[in-house]
Amino acid sequence: MAALTSPISLTLKATSLLLLLVIALPLQTQLAGAQECSTQLNNLNVCAPFLVPGTSNPNPSPDCCNALQAVPQDCFCNTIQIAARLPSQCNIPPLNCPTS
């Protein structure tokens, strides 16, 4: 029992707790950022009518533009990069979209 309260044991426990905090804090921050990104991307639903091929009004609404402007660039870019990887992860040919 004396070993549990020794200075070495207490130092080891404190070091372990500090290590856990160092690992957990960035992970929690990353998860919070991912949740915020997800919420901002969900707000882009107002843009859906302007993304459908053959739409009668191809110009986005002010609500769509405002929602798009509210999405941080890194969130938007990371989402596009993830989406671009999906075909290969699903074992289907990569997308080859022409630009117009």
N, C-alpha and C. Protein backbone atom coordinates (compact mmCIF):
# COMPACT_ATOMS: atom_id res chain seq x y z
N MET A 1 0.81 -1.19 0.00
CA MET A 1 0.00 0.00 0.00
C MET A 1 0.86 1.26 0.00
N ALA A 2 2.03 1.20 0.62
CA ALA A 2 2.88 2.37 0.69
C ALA A 2 3.32 2.82 -0.69
N ALA A 3 3.44 1.88 -1.62
CA ALA A 3 3.87 2.22 -2.97
C ALA A 3 2.84 3.11 -3.67
N LEU A 4 1.58 2.99 -3.32
CA LEU A 4 0.55 3.79 -3.98
C LEU A 4 0.63 5.26 -3.61
N THR A 5 1.20 5.56 -2.46
CA THR A 5 1.28 6.96 -2.02
C THR A 5 2.69 7.50 -2.08
N SER A 6 3.61 6.78 -2.67
CA SER A 6 4.99 7.25 -2.76
C SER A 6 5.06 8.43 -3.73
N PRO A 7 6.08 9.27 -3.57
CA PRO A 7 6.24 10.41 -4.48
C PRO A 7 6.34 9.99 -5.94
N ILE A 8 6.98 8.87 -6.20
CA ILE A 8 7.11 8.38 -7.58
C ILE A 8 5.73 8.00 -8.12
N SER A 9 4.93 7.33 -7.31
CA SER A 9 3.59 6.93 -7.73
C SER A 9 2.72 8.15 -8.00
N LEU A 10 2.81 9.15 -7.13
CA LEU A 10 2.03 10.37 -7.32
C LEU A 10 2.48 11.12 -8.57
N THR A 11 3.78 11.14 -8.81
CA THR A 11 4.31 11.78 -10.01
C THR A 11 3.84 11.06 -11.26
N LEU A 12 3.85 9.73 -11.21
CA LEU A 12 3.38 8.93 -12.33
C LEU A 12 1.91 9.19 -12.60
N LYS A 13 1.09 9.27 -11.55
CA LYS A 13 -0.34 9.55 -11.72
C LYS A 13 -0.54 10.95 -12.30
N ALA A 14 0.20 11.92 -11.81
CA ALA A 14 0.07 13.29 -12.31
C ALA A 14 0.50 13.37 -13.77
N THR A 15 1.58 12.67 -14.11
CA THR A 15 2.05 12.65 -15.50
C THR A 15 1.03 11.98 -16.40
N SER A 16 0.45 10.90 -15.94
CA SER A 16 -0.58 10.21 -16.72
C SER A 16 -1.79 11.10 -16.94
N LEU A 17 -2.21 11.81 -15.91
CA LEU A 17 -3.35 12.71 -16.03
C LEU A 17 -3.04 13.84 -16.99
N LEU A 18 -1.85 14.40 -16.91
CA LEU A 18 -1.45 15.47 -17.81
C LEU A 18 -1.41 14.98 -19.25
N LEU A 19 -0.88 13.79 -19.46
CA LEU A 19 -0.83 13.20 -20.79
C LEU A 19 -2.24 13.00 -21.34
N LEU A 20 -3.14 12.53 -20.50
CA LEU A 20 -4.53 12.33 -20.92
C LEU A 20 -5.15 13.66 -21.33
N LEU A 21 -4.90 14.72 -20.57
CA LEU A 21 -5.43 16.03 -20.90
C LEU A 21 -4.84 16.57 -22.20
N VAL A 22 -3.55 16.35 -22.40
CA VAL A 22 -2.89 16.81 -23.63
C VAL A 22 -3.48 16.11 -24.85
N ILE A 23 -3.85 14.85 -24.70
CA ILE A 23 -4.43 14.10 -25.81
C ILE A 23 -5.91 14.44 -25.98
N ALA A 24 -6.64 14.54 -24.89
CA ALA A 24 -8.09 14.72 -24.95
C ALA A 24 -8.51 16.12 -25.38
N LEU A 25 -7.80 17.14 -24.97
CA LEU A 25 -8.21 18.50 -25.28
C LEU A 25 -8.22 18.78 -26.78
N PRO A 26 -7.15 18.48 -27.52
CA PRO A 26 -7.22 18.71 -28.97
C PRO A 26 -8.30 17.86 -29.64
N LEU A 27 -8.50 16.65 -29.17
CA LEU A 27 -9.53 15.79 -29.74
C LEU A 27 -10.91 16.39 -29.51
N GLN A 28 -11.15 16.89 -28.31
CA GLN A 28 -12.44 17.52 -28.01
C GLN A 28 -12.62 18.77 -28.87
N THR A 29 -11.56 19.56 -29.04
CA THR A 29 -11.62 20.76 -29.88
C THR A 29 -11.90 20.38 -31.32
N GLN A 30 -11.26 19.32 -31.80
CA GLN A 30 -11.47 18.85 -33.17
C GLN A 30 -12.90 18.38 -33.35
N LEU A 31 -13.44 17.64 -32.39
CA LEU A 31 -14.82 17.17 -32.49
C LEU A 31 -15.81 18.33 -32.46
N ALA A 32 -15.53 19.32 -31.63
CA ALA A 32 -16.41 20.50 -31.58
C ALA A 32 -16.36 21.24 -32.91
N GLY A 33 -15.16 21.34 -33.49
CA GLY A 33 -15.02 21.99 -34.79
C GLY A 33 -15.74 21.22 -35.88
N ALA A 34 -15.66 19.88 -35.83
CA ALA A 34 -16.36 19.06 -36.81
C ALA A 34 -17.86 19.22 -36.68
N GLN A 35 -18.35 19.31 -35.45
CA GLN A 35 -19.78 19.49 -35.24
C GLN A 35 -20.23 20.86 -35.76
N GLU A 36 -19.42 21.89 -35.51
CA GLU A 36 -19.75 23.22 -36.00
C GLU A 36 -19.74 23.24 -37.53
N CYS A 37 -18.76 22.57 -38.12
CA CYS A 37 -18.68 22.48 -39.58
C CYS A 37 -19.92 21.77 -40.12
N SER A 38 -20.31 20.70 -39.49
CA SER A 38 -21.49 19.96 -39.92
C SER A 38 -22.74 20.83 -39.88
N THR A 39 -22.88 21.62 -38.82
CA THR A 39 -24.03 22.51 -38.70
C THR A 39 -24.03 23.55 -39.82
N GLN A 40 -22.87 24.13 -40.08
CA GLN A 40 -22.77 25.14 -41.13
C GLN A 40 -23.05 24.54 -42.51
N LEU A 41 -22.58 23.31 -42.74
CA LEU A 41 -22.86 22.65 -44.02
C LEU A 41 -24.35 22.32 -44.15
N ASN A 42 -24.98 21.94 -43.04
CA ASN A 42 -26.42 21.68 -43.09
C ASN A 42 -27.21 22.92 -43.46
N ASN A 43 -26.69 24.09 -43.11
CA ASN A 43 -27.36 25.33 -43.47
C ASN A 43 -27.36 25.58 -44.97
N LEU A 44 -26.51 24.83 -45.69
CA LEU A 44 -26.46 24.97 -47.15
C LEU A 44 -27.64 24.29 -47.84
N ASN A 45 -28.51 23.66 -47.08
CA ASN A 45 -29.70 23.03 -47.67
C ASN A 45 -30.53 24.03 -48.46
N VAL A 46 -30.47 25.31 -48.10
CA VAL A 46 -31.22 26.32 -48.83
C VAL A 46 -30.69 26.48 -50.26
N CYS A 47 -29.51 25.94 -50.53
CA CYS A 47 -28.92 26.02 -51.87
C CYS A 47 -29.35 24.86 -52.77
N ALA A 48 -29.96 23.85 -52.20
CA ALA A 48 -30.32 22.64 -52.96
C ALA A 48 -31.11 22.93 -54.24
N PRO A 49 -32.11 23.81 -54.22
CA PRO A 49 -32.87 24.05 -55.45
C PRO A 49 -32.03 24.59 -56.60
N PHE A 50 -30.89 25.18 -56.30
CA PHE A 50 -30.06 25.78 -57.34
C PHE A 50 -28.98 24.82 -57.83
N LEU A 51 -28.89 23.65 -57.22
CA LEU A 51 -27.87 22.67 -57.58
C LEU A 51 -28.41 21.53 -58.43
N VAL A 52 -29.71 21.44 -58.55
CA VAL A 52 -30.33 20.36 -59.30
C VAL A 52 -30.25 20.68 -60.79
N PRO A 53 -29.69 19.76 -61.60
CA PRO A 53 -29.63 20.01 -63.05
C PRO A 53 -31.04 20.25 -63.61
N GLY A 54 -31.15 21.22 -64.49
CA GLY A 54 -32.43 21.53 -65.12
C GLY A 54 -33.31 22.44 -64.31
N THR A 55 -32.80 23.02 -63.24
CA THR A 55 -33.59 23.92 -62.41
C THR A 55 -34.06 25.11 -63.24
N SER A 56 -35.23 25.63 -62.91
CA SER A 56 -35.77 26.76 -63.66
C SER A 56 -35.05 28.06 -63.30
N ASN A 57 -34.46 28.13 -62.13
CA ASN A 57 -33.74 29.32 -61.70
C ASN A 57 -32.34 28.91 -61.23
N PRO A 58 -31.35 29.04 -62.10
CA PRO A 58 -30.00 28.60 -61.72
C PRO A 58 -29.27 29.58 -60.81
N ASN A 59 -29.85 30.75 -60.54
CA ASN A 59 -29.19 31.74 -59.69
C ASN A 59 -29.51 31.49 -58.23
N PRO A 60 -28.50 31.43 -57.38
CA PRO A 60 -28.74 31.18 -55.96
C PRO A 60 -29.46 32.35 -55.30
N SER A 61 -30.23 32.01 -54.29
CA SER A 61 -30.96 33.02 -53.52
C SER A 61 -30.00 33.74 -52.57
N PRO A 62 -30.40 34.89 -52.05
CA PRO A 62 -29.57 35.54 -51.03
C PRO A 62 -29.36 34.64 -49.80
N ASP A 63 -30.37 33.85 -49.43
CA ASP A 63 -30.21 32.92 -48.30
C ASP A 63 -29.10 31.91 -48.58
N CYS A 64 -29.07 31.41 -49.81
CA CYS A 64 -28.03 30.45 -50.19
C CYS A 64 -26.66 31.11 -50.12
N CYS A 65 -26.55 32.30 -50.68
CA CYS A 65 -25.26 33.01 -50.67
C CYS A 65 -24.80 33.31 -49.25
N ASN A 66 -25.72 33.70 -48.39
CA ASN A 66 -25.37 33.97 -46.99
C ASN A 66 -24.91 32.71 -46.28
N ALA A 67 -25.60 31.59 -46.53
CA ALA A 67 -25.22 30.32 -45.91
C ALA A 67 -23.84 29.88 -46.40
N LEU A 68 -23.59 30.05 -47.69
CA LEU A 68 -22.30 29.68 -48.25
C LEU A 68 -21.18 30.55 -47.69
N GLN A 69 -21.46 31.82 -47.53
CA GLN A 69 -20.46 32.74 -46.98
C GLN A 69 -20.14 32.43 -45.52
N ALA A 70 -21.08 31.84 -44.80
CA ALA A 70 -20.88 31.53 -43.39
C ALA A 70 -20.03 30.29 -43.15
N VAL A 71 -19.84 29.47 -44.18
CA VAL A 71 -19.04 28.25 -44.04
C VAL A 71 -17.56 28.61 -44.14
N PRO A 72 -16.77 28.31 -43.11
CA PRO A 72 -15.33 28.60 -43.19
C PRO A 72 -14.68 27.84 -44.35
N GLN A 73 -13.71 28.46 -44.96
CA GLN A 73 -13.07 27.87 -46.14
C GLN A 73 -12.50 26.49 -45.85
N ASP A 74 -11.85 26.30 -44.69
CA ASP A 74 -11.25 25.00 -44.39
C ASP A 74 -12.32 23.92 -44.24
N CYS A 75 -13.47 24.28 -43.68
CA CYS A 75 -14.57 23.33 -43.55
C CYS A 75 -15.07 22.91 -44.93
N PHE A 76 -15.27 23.88 -45.80
CA PHE A 76 -15.77 23.62 -47.14
C PHE A 76 -14.76 22.79 -47.94
N CYS A 77 -13.49 23.19 -47.89
CA CYS A 77 -12.45 22.47 -48.64
C CYS A 77 -12.26 21.04 -48.14
N ASN A 78 -12.26 20.85 -46.81
CA ASN A 78 -12.13 19.50 -46.26
C ASN A 78 -13.29 18.62 -46.69
N THR A 79 -14.48 19.18 -46.73
CA THR A 79 -15.66 18.42 -47.15
C THR A 79 -15.53 17.99 -48.61
N ILE A 80 -15.07 18.90 -49.45
CA ILE A 80 -14.89 18.57 -50.88
C ILE A 80 -13.82 17.49 -51.04
N GLN A 81 -12.73 17.59 -50.27
CA GLN A 81 -11.67 16.58 -50.36
C GLN A 81 -12.18 15.22 -49.92
N ILE A 82 -12.95 15.19 -48.86
CA ILE A 82 -13.52 13.92 -48.38
C ILE A 82 -14.46 13.35 -49.43
N ALA A 83 -15.32 14.19 -49.99
CA ALA A 83 -16.27 13.74 -51.00
C ALA A 83 -15.54 13.21 -52.23
N ALA A 84 -14.44 13.83 -52.60
CA ALA A 84 -13.68 13.38 -53.77
C ALA A 84 -13.04 12.01 -53.55
N ARG A 85 -12.78 11.65 -52.29
CA ARG A 85 -12.19 10.33 -51.98
C ARG A 85 -13.22 9.21 -51.93
N LEU A 86 -14.49 9.56 -51.79
CA LEU A 86 -15.52 8.54 -51.61
C LEU A 86 -15.56 7.49 -52.72
N PRO A 87 -15.51 7.86 -54.00
CA PRO A 87 -15.58 6.80 -55.03
C PRO A 87 -14.51 5.73 -54.86
N SER A 88 -13.26 6.13 -54.63
CA SER A 88 -12.22 5.12 -54.49
C SER A 88 -12.42 4.28 -53.23
N GLN A 89 -12.94 4.87 -52.17
CA GLN A 89 -13.20 4.12 -50.95
C GLN A 89 -14.36 3.16 -51.10
N CYS A 90 -15.22 3.44 -52.08
CA CYS A 90 -16.36 2.55 -52.35
C CYS A 90 -16.09 1.63 -53.53
N ASN A 91 -14.82 1.60 -53.97
CA ASN A 91 -14.40 0.74 -55.08
C ASN A 91 -15.18 1.00 -56.37
N ILE A 92 -15.41 2.27 -56.67
CA ILE A 92 -16.01 2.65 -57.95
C ILE A 92 -15.04 3.60 -58.64
N PRO A 93 -15.15 3.74 -59.96
CA PRO A 93 -14.20 4.61 -60.68
C PRO A 93 -14.27 6.05 -60.17
N PRO A 94 -13.14 6.73 -60.21
CA PRO A 94 -13.13 8.13 -59.76
C PRO A 94 -14.00 9.00 -60.67
N LEU A 95 -14.49 10.08 -60.11
CA LEU A 95 -15.30 11.02 -60.87
C LEU A 95 -14.40 11.82 -61.80
N ASN A 96 -14.87 12.07 -62.98
CA ASN A 96 -14.15 12.89 -63.93
C ASN A 96 -15.14 13.92 -64.45
N CYS A 97 -15.25 15.01 -63.73
CA CYS A 97 -16.25 16.03 -64.05
C CYS A 97 -15.63 17.12 -64.91
N PRO A 98 -16.21 17.34 -66.10
CA PRO A 98 -15.69 18.44 -66.93
C PRO A 98 -16.08 19.78 -66.31
N THR A 99 -15.24 20.76 -66.51
CA THR A 99 -15.56 22.10 -66.05
C THR A 99 -16.17 22.88 -67.21
N SER A 100 -17.11 23.72 -66.87
CA SER A 100 -17.73 24.51 -67.95
C SER A 100 -17.63 25.98 -67.68
